[in-house]
Amino acid sequence: MKKIFVACGSGVATSQTVASKIGSLCEEEGLDVAVEAVDIKSLESIIDQCDIYVSIVSSGANIWNVPTISGIPFLTGVGMDEEFEKLKGFLQQ
């Protein structure tokens, strides 16, 4: 099972929304994942525990040593299919 962390810059409300959306999409595809909304302040100390990071902060933020995709499309719906394809590609690695 792959672990996906979702974090936004101001708490967990937005990240929880995105995590729920990604979890539903993965479930529909039969993907074995655990999606978790995490506090951005604790991300640095726990980032090594995930396989994929979904960022809901503007680019130029911290660069992590894990595959990272944008969470914004999962909020807006614009570009969501493309971003979900990236996510699925990372899951296959």
N, C-alpha and C. Protein backbone atom coordinates (compact mmCIF):
# COMPACT_ATOMS: atom_id res chain seq x y z
N MET A 1 0.84 -1.19 0.00
CA MET A 1 0.00 0.00 0.00
C MET A 1 0.89 1.24 0.00
N LYS A 2 0.60 2.14 -0.92
CA LYS A 2 1.34 3.40 -1.00
C LYS A 2 0.66 4.44 -0.11
N LYS A 3 1.48 5.32 0.45
CA LYS A 3 0.96 6.36 1.34
C LYS A 3 1.10 7.72 0.66
N ILE A 4 -0.01 8.47 0.64
CA ILE A 4 -0.05 9.80 0.04
C ILE A 4 -0.35 10.82 1.12
N PHE A 5 0.49 11.84 1.24
CA PHE A 5 0.24 12.94 2.17
C PHE A 5 -0.24 14.14 1.38
N VAL A 6 -1.24 14.84 1.95
CA VAL A 6 -1.77 16.07 1.36
C VAL A 6 -1.63 17.16 2.41
N ALA A 7 -1.03 18.29 2.04
CA ALA A 7 -0.88 19.39 3.01
C ALA A 7 -1.11 20.72 2.31
N CYS A 8 -1.79 21.61 3.03
CA CYS A 8 -1.97 22.98 2.55
C CYS A 8 -1.24 23.93 3.50
N GLY A 9 -1.18 25.17 3.16
CA GLY A 9 -0.40 26.12 3.93
C GLY A 9 -1.04 26.66 5.17
N SER A 10 -2.32 26.39 5.38
CA SER A 10 -3.00 27.05 6.51
C SER A 10 -3.87 26.11 7.32
N GLY A 11 -3.36 24.94 7.63
CA GLY A 11 -4.15 24.02 8.43
C GLY A 11 -4.48 22.76 7.68
N VAL A 12 -5.67 22.19 7.96
CA VAL A 12 -6.00 20.92 7.34
C VAL A 12 -7.34 20.89 6.62
N ALA A 13 -8.11 21.98 6.65
CA ALA A 13 -9.44 21.94 6.02
C ALA A 13 -9.34 21.70 4.52
N THR A 14 -8.52 22.47 3.83
CA THR A 14 -8.38 22.31 2.39
C THR A 14 -7.71 20.99 2.06
N SER A 15 -6.69 20.65 2.82
CA SER A 15 -5.99 19.39 2.55
C SER A 15 -6.91 18.19 2.79
N GLN A 16 -7.80 18.29 3.76
CA GLN A 16 -8.75 17.20 4.01
C GLN A 16 -9.70 17.02 2.83
N THR A 17 -10.15 18.14 2.26
CA THR A 17 -11.02 18.10 1.08
C THR A 17 -10.33 17.40 -0.09
N VAL A 18 -9.08 17.80 -0.33
CA VAL A 18 -8.32 17.21 -1.44
C VAL A 18 -8.01 15.74 -1.16
N ALA A 19 -7.65 15.42 0.07
CA ALA A 19 -7.36 14.03 0.43
C ALA A 19 -8.58 13.15 0.21
N SER A 20 -9.74 13.66 0.57
CA SER A 20 -10.98 12.91 0.38
C SER A 20 -11.25 12.66 -1.10
N LYS A 21 -11.05 13.69 -1.92
CA LYS A 21 -11.26 13.58 -3.36
C LYS A 21 -10.30 12.55 -3.98
N ILE A 22 -9.03 12.66 -3.61
CA ILE A 22 -8.03 11.72 -4.14
C ILE A 22 -8.33 10.30 -3.67
N GLY A 23 -8.71 10.17 -2.41
CA GLY A 23 -9.07 8.85 -1.89
C GLY A 23 -10.21 8.22 -2.66
N SER A 24 -11.23 9.02 -2.96
CA SER A 24 -12.38 8.52 -3.73
C SER A 24 -11.98 8.11 -5.14
N LEU A 25 -11.17 8.94 -5.80
CA LEU A 25 -10.72 8.62 -7.15
C LEU A 25 -9.90 7.34 -7.17
N CYS A 26 -9.02 7.19 -6.19
CA CYS A 26 -8.18 5.99 -6.11
C CYS A 26 -9.04 4.75 -5.84
N GLU A 27 -10.02 4.90 -4.98
CA GLU A 27 -10.90 3.78 -4.69
C GLU A 27 -11.66 3.34 -5.94
N GLU A 28 -12.16 4.31 -6.70
CA GLU A 28 -12.87 4.01 -7.95
C GLU A 28 -11.98 3.24 -8.93
N GLU A 29 -10.66 3.52 -8.89
CA GLU A 29 -9.71 2.87 -9.80
C GLU A 29 -9.17 1.57 -9.21
N GLY A 30 -9.55 1.26 -7.97
CA GLY A 30 -9.05 0.05 -7.33
C GLY A 30 -7.60 0.15 -6.89
N LEU A 31 -7.13 1.35 -6.63
CA LEU A 31 -5.74 1.56 -6.23
C LEU A 31 -5.60 1.40 -4.72
N ASP A 32 -4.58 0.68 -4.30
CA ASP A 32 -4.35 0.40 -2.89
C ASP A 32 -3.49 1.51 -2.28
N VAL A 33 -4.15 2.53 -1.75
CA VAL A 33 -3.45 3.68 -1.17
C VAL A 33 -4.06 4.08 0.15
N ALA A 34 -3.26 4.78 0.93
CA ALA A 34 -3.74 5.45 2.14
C ALA A 34 -3.48 6.94 1.92
N VAL A 35 -4.53 7.74 1.95
CA VAL A 35 -4.39 9.18 1.73
C VAL A 35 -4.64 9.89 3.05
N GLU A 36 -3.71 10.75 3.42
CA GLU A 36 -3.79 11.40 4.73
C GLU A 36 -3.56 12.90 4.61
N ALA A 37 -4.45 13.68 5.19
CA ALA A 37 -4.25 15.13 5.30
C ALA A 37 -3.33 15.37 6.49
N VAL A 38 -2.27 16.13 6.27
CA VAL A 38 -1.31 16.38 7.34
C VAL A 38 -1.11 17.87 7.54
N ASP A 39 -0.64 18.22 8.71
CA ASP A 39 -0.35 19.61 9.05
C ASP A 39 0.95 20.03 8.37
N ILE A 40 0.92 21.13 7.64
CA ILE A 40 2.10 21.60 6.91
C ILE A 40 3.29 21.82 7.85
N LYS A 41 3.00 22.19 9.08
CA LYS A 41 4.08 22.47 10.04
C LYS A 41 4.84 21.21 10.43
N SER A 42 4.19 20.06 10.35
CA SER A 42 4.86 18.81 10.71
C SER A 42 5.41 18.07 9.49
N LEU A 43 5.17 18.61 8.31
CA LEU A 43 5.52 17.91 7.08
C LEU A 43 7.01 17.56 7.01
N GLU A 44 7.86 18.49 7.37
CA GLU A 44 9.29 18.25 7.26
C GLU A 44 9.73 17.02 8.07
N SER A 45 9.12 16.81 9.21
CA SER A 45 9.53 15.68 10.06
C SER A 45 8.88 14.36 9.66
N ILE A 46 7.85 14.39 8.81
CA ILE A 46 7.16 13.14 8.45
C ILE A 46 7.19 12.84 6.95
N ILE A 47 7.75 13.74 6.14
CA ILE A 47 7.69 13.58 4.68
C ILE A 47 8.32 12.25 4.23
N ASP A 48 9.31 11.76 4.98
CA ASP A 48 9.96 10.51 4.59
C ASP A 48 9.08 9.28 4.82
N GLN A 49 7.91 9.48 5.42
CA GLN A 49 6.98 8.38 5.66
C GLN A 49 5.97 8.20 4.54
N CYS A 50 6.01 9.06 3.53
CA CYS A 50 5.03 8.95 2.43
C CYS A 50 5.72 8.60 1.13
N ASP A 51 4.92 8.10 0.19
CA ASP A 51 5.42 7.77 -1.14
C ASP A 51 5.18 8.89 -2.14
N ILE A 52 4.11 9.67 -1.92
CA ILE A 52 3.75 10.78 -2.80
C ILE A 52 3.23 11.92 -1.95
N TYR A 53 3.63 13.14 -2.32
CA TYR A 53 3.17 14.33 -1.61
C TYR A 53 2.30 15.16 -2.56
N VAL A 54 1.12 15.56 -2.09
CA VAL A 54 0.23 16.43 -2.85
C VAL A 54 0.26 17.79 -2.18
N SER A 55 0.77 18.78 -2.91
CA SER A 55 0.98 20.12 -2.37
C SER A 55 -0.15 21.06 -2.77
N ILE A 56 -0.62 21.82 -1.78
CA ILE A 56 -1.65 22.83 -2.06
C ILE A 56 -1.09 24.21 -1.71
N VAL A 57 0.20 24.38 -1.91
CA VAL A 57 0.83 25.68 -1.73
C VAL A 57 1.44 26.08 -3.05
N SER A 58 1.71 27.36 -3.21
CA SER A 58 2.26 27.84 -4.48
C SER A 58 3.63 27.24 -4.72
N SER A 59 3.98 27.11 -5.97
CA SER A 59 5.28 26.56 -6.32
C SER A 59 6.37 27.47 -5.76
N GLY A 60 7.53 26.92 -5.58
CA GLY A 60 8.60 27.67 -4.95
C GLY A 60 8.67 27.36 -3.47
N ALA A 61 7.75 26.53 -3.00
CA ALA A 61 7.79 26.09 -1.61
C ALA A 61 8.89 25.04 -1.47
N ASN A 62 8.97 24.42 -0.34
CA ASN A 62 10.00 23.40 -0.11
C ASN A 62 9.95 22.33 -1.17
N ILE A 63 11.12 21.89 -1.59
CA ILE A 63 11.22 20.79 -2.55
C ILE A 63 11.57 19.54 -1.75
N TRP A 64 10.72 18.55 -1.84
CA TRP A 64 10.91 17.32 -1.07
C TRP A 64 11.49 16.24 -1.96
N ASN A 65 12.08 15.26 -1.34
CA ASN A 65 12.70 14.17 -2.08
C ASN A 65 11.71 13.03 -2.31
N VAL A 66 10.46 13.37 -2.58
CA VAL A 66 9.43 12.39 -2.93
C VAL A 66 8.65 12.94 -4.12
N PRO A 67 8.05 12.07 -4.93
CA PRO A 67 7.24 12.57 -6.04
C PRO A 67 6.15 13.51 -5.51
N THR A 68 5.99 14.64 -6.18
CA THR A 68 5.05 15.68 -5.72
C THR A 68 4.15 16.10 -6.87
N ILE A 69 2.86 16.21 -6.58
CA ILE A 69 1.91 16.74 -7.55
C ILE A 69 1.15 17.90 -6.93
N SER A 70 0.47 18.66 -7.76
CA SER A 70 -0.32 19.79 -7.29
C SER A 70 -1.71 19.33 -6.85
N GLY A 71 -2.15 19.83 -5.72
CA GLY A 71 -3.49 19.51 -5.24
C GLY A 71 -4.55 20.49 -5.70
N ILE A 72 -4.13 21.63 -6.26
CA ILE A 72 -5.08 22.66 -6.69
C ILE A 72 -6.11 22.12 -7.68
N PRO A 73 -5.71 21.32 -8.68
CA PRO A 73 -6.72 20.80 -9.62
C PRO A 73 -7.81 19.96 -8.95
N PHE A 74 -7.51 19.33 -7.83
CA PHE A 74 -8.52 18.53 -7.14
C PHE A 74 -9.52 19.41 -6.40
N LEU A 75 -9.16 20.67 -6.20
CA LEU A 75 -10.09 21.64 -5.61
C LEU A 75 -10.94 22.30 -6.69
N THR A 76 -10.30 22.67 -7.79
CA THR A 76 -10.98 23.45 -8.83
C THR A 76 -11.61 22.58 -9.92
N GLY A 77 -11.07 21.38 -10.09
CA GLY A 77 -11.54 20.52 -11.17
C GLY A 77 -10.80 20.80 -12.48
N VAL A 78 -10.11 21.93 -12.56
CA VAL A 78 -9.38 22.30 -13.78
C VAL A 78 -8.03 21.58 -13.80
N GLY A 79 -7.85 20.69 -14.75
CA GLY A 79 -6.61 19.94 -14.87
C GLY A 79 -6.54 18.73 -13.95
N MET A 80 -7.66 18.38 -13.34
CA MET A 80 -7.66 17.27 -12.39
C MET A 80 -7.31 15.94 -13.05
N ASP A 81 -7.85 15.67 -14.22
CA ASP A 81 -7.57 14.40 -14.88
C ASP A 81 -6.08 14.24 -15.15
N GLU A 82 -5.44 15.31 -15.62
CA GLU A 82 -4.01 15.24 -15.91
C GLU A 82 -3.20 14.99 -14.64
N GLU A 83 -3.56 15.68 -13.58
CA GLU A 83 -2.82 15.54 -12.32
C GLU A 83 -3.05 14.14 -11.73
N PHE A 84 -4.26 13.61 -11.89
CA PHE A 84 -4.54 12.26 -11.39
C PHE A 84 -3.75 11.23 -12.19
N GLU A 85 -3.57 11.46 -13.48
CA GLU A 85 -2.74 10.56 -14.30
C GLU A 85 -1.30 10.57 -13.79
N LYS A 86 -0.78 11.76 -13.42
CA LYS A 86 0.57 11.84 -12.86
C LYS A 86 0.64 11.01 -11.57
N LEU A 87 -0.37 11.17 -10.73
CA LEU A 87 -0.43 10.44 -9.47
C LEU A 87 -0.39 8.94 -9.72
N LYS A 88 -1.20 8.47 -10.66
CA LYS A 88 -1.23 7.04 -10.98
C LYS A 88 0.12 6.57 -11.51
N GLY A 89 0.78 7.41 -12.28
CA GLY A 89 2.11 7.06 -12.76
C GLY A 89 3.10 6.89 -11.62
N PHE A 90 3.06 7.78 -10.64
CA PHE A 90 3.93 7.65 -9.48
C PHE A 90 3.60 6.40 -8.68
N LEU A 91 2.35 6.05 -8.60
CA LEU A 91 1.94 4.85 -7.85
C LEU A 91 2.48 3.57 -8.47
N GLN A 92 2.72 3.60 -9.77
CA GLN A 92 3.22 2.42 -10.48
C GLN A 92 4.72 2.26 -10.37
N GLN A 93 5.39 3.26 -9.86
CA GLN A 93 6.86 3.20 -9.75
C GLN A 93 7.30 2.32 -8.60
